C-alpha atoms as a PDB file:
ATOM      1  CA  MET A   1      -2.980 -11.890  22.730  1.00  0.00           C
ATOM      2  CA  ARG A   2      -4.688 -13.040  19.519  1.00  0.00           C
ATOM      3  CA  LYS A   3      -7.801 -11.076  20.368  1.00  0.00           C
ATOM      4  CA  ARG A   4      -5.799  -7.863  20.878  1.00  0.00           C
ATOM      5  CA  ILE A   5      -3.945  -8.346  17.576  1.00  0.00           C
ATOM      6  CA  PHE A   6      -7.316  -8.844  15.859  1.00  0.00           C
ATOM      7  CA  GLU A   7      -8.602  -5.647  17.489  1.00  0.00           C
ATOM      8  CA  ILE A   8      -5.566  -3.721  16.281  1.00  0.00           C
ATOM      9  CA  ILE A   9      -5.905  -4.954  12.704  1.00  0.00           C
ATOM     10  CA  GLU A  10      -9.630  -4.196  12.590  1.00  0.00           C
ATOM     11  CA  VAL A  11     -10.759  -0.661  11.755  1.00  0.00           C
ATOM     12  CA  SER A  12     -10.191   1.550  14.775  1.00  0.00           C
ATOM     13  CA  LYS A  13     -13.143   2.046  17.083  1.00  0.00           C
ATOM     14  CA  ASP A  14     -13.694   4.685  19.722  1.00  0.00           C
ATOM     15  CA  ASN A  15     -10.398   5.664  21.332  1.00  0.00           C
ATOM     16  CA  ASP A  16      -8.179   2.716  20.351  1.00  0.00           C
ATOM     17  CA  ARG A  17      -5.024   4.668  19.613  1.00  0.00           C
ATOM     18  CA  VAL A  18      -2.886   1.666  18.611  1.00  0.00           C
ATOM     19  CA  SER A  19      -5.485   0.543  16.076  1.00  0.00           C
ATOM     20  CA  PHE A  20      -5.695   4.069  14.666  1.00  0.00           C
ATOM     21  CA  ILE A  21      -1.911   4.273  14.286  1.00  0.00           C
ATOM     22  CA  TYR A  22      -1.916   0.897  12.566  1.00  0.00           C
ATOM     23  CA  ASP A  23      -4.638   2.043  10.144  1.00  0.00           C
ATOM     24  CA  ILE A  24      -2.759   5.234   9.275  1.00  0.00           C
ATOM     25  CA  THR A  25       0.521   3.353   8.854  1.00  0.00           C
ATOM     26  CA  MET A  26      -1.074   0.799   6.527  1.00  0.00           C
ATOM     27  CA  LEU A  27      -2.770   3.525   4.486  1.00  0.00           C
ATOM     28  CA  PHE A  28       0.556   5.350   4.149  1.00  0.00           C
ATOM     29  CA  ALA A  29       2.360   2.128   3.131  1.00  0.00           C
ATOM     30  CA  ILE A  30      -0.268   1.336   0.496  1.00  0.00           C
ATOM     31  CA  ILE A  31      -0.106   4.818  -1.008  1.00  0.00           C
ATOM     32  CA  VAL A  32       3.688   4.833  -1.013  1.00  0.00           C
ATOM     33  CA  SER A  33       3.641   1.458  -2.798  1.00  0.00           C
ATOM     34  CA  ILE A  34       1.103   2.544  -5.452  1.00  0.00           C
ATOM     35  CA  VAL A  35       2.514   5.985  -6.294  1.00  0.00           C
ATOM     36  CA  PRO A  36       5.568   4.665  -8.195  1.00  0.00           C
ATOM     37  CA  LEU A  37       3.298   2.547 -10.373  1.00  0.00           C
ATOM     38  CA  ALA A  38       1.510   5.704 -11.518  1.00  0.00           C
ATOM     39  CA  PHE A  39       4.769   7.132 -12.840  1.00  0.00           C
ATOM     40  CA  ILE A  40       6.321   4.032 -14.346  1.00  0.00           C
ATOM     41  CA  LEU A  41       8.006   4.793 -17.660  1.00  0.00           C
ATOM     42  CA  GLY A  42       9.081   1.301 -18.495  1.00  0.00           C
ATOM     43  CA  ASN A  43      11.732  -1.203 -17.644  1.00  0.00           C
ATOM     44  CA  ASN A  44      13.819  -1.950 -20.665  1.00  0.00           C
ATOM     45  CA  ARG A  45      16.368  -3.951 -18.685  1.00  0.00           C
ATOM     46  CA  PHE A  46      14.963  -7.257 -19.962  1.00  0.00           C
ATOM     47  CA  GLY A  47      13.869  -6.077 -23.398  1.00  0.00           C
ATOM     48  CA  PHE A  48      10.282  -5.352 -22.343  1.00  0.00           C
ATOM     49  CA  ASN A  49       8.990  -1.837 -22.156  1.00  0.00           C
ATOM     50  CA  ILE A  50       5.665  -1.652 -20.345  1.00  0.00           C
ATOM     51  CA  THR A  51       4.838   1.825 -21.692  1.00  0.00           C
ATOM     52  CA  ASN A  52       5.178   0.817 -25.322  1.00  0.00           C
ATOM     53  CA  HIS A  53       3.377  -2.459 -24.715  1.00  0.00           C
ATOM     54  CA  TYR A  54       0.226  -0.904 -23.277  1.00  0.00           C
ATOM     55  CA  CYS A  55       0.211   2.471 -25.047  1.00  0.00           C
ATOM     56  CA  SER A  56       0.673   1.414 -28.652  1.00  0.00           C
END
């Protein structure tokens, strides 16, 4: 079981469909997580505005 999990997590080889689906899912999750950071305008809820802090 551990070996198969390792094979799935590794970069897909040949015709390993499960590994390929895992790779695509992880890539999608990473991009979806990073995109909001590119458009952050600041969080003034706690008195700290990241845009003014780094852009001034």
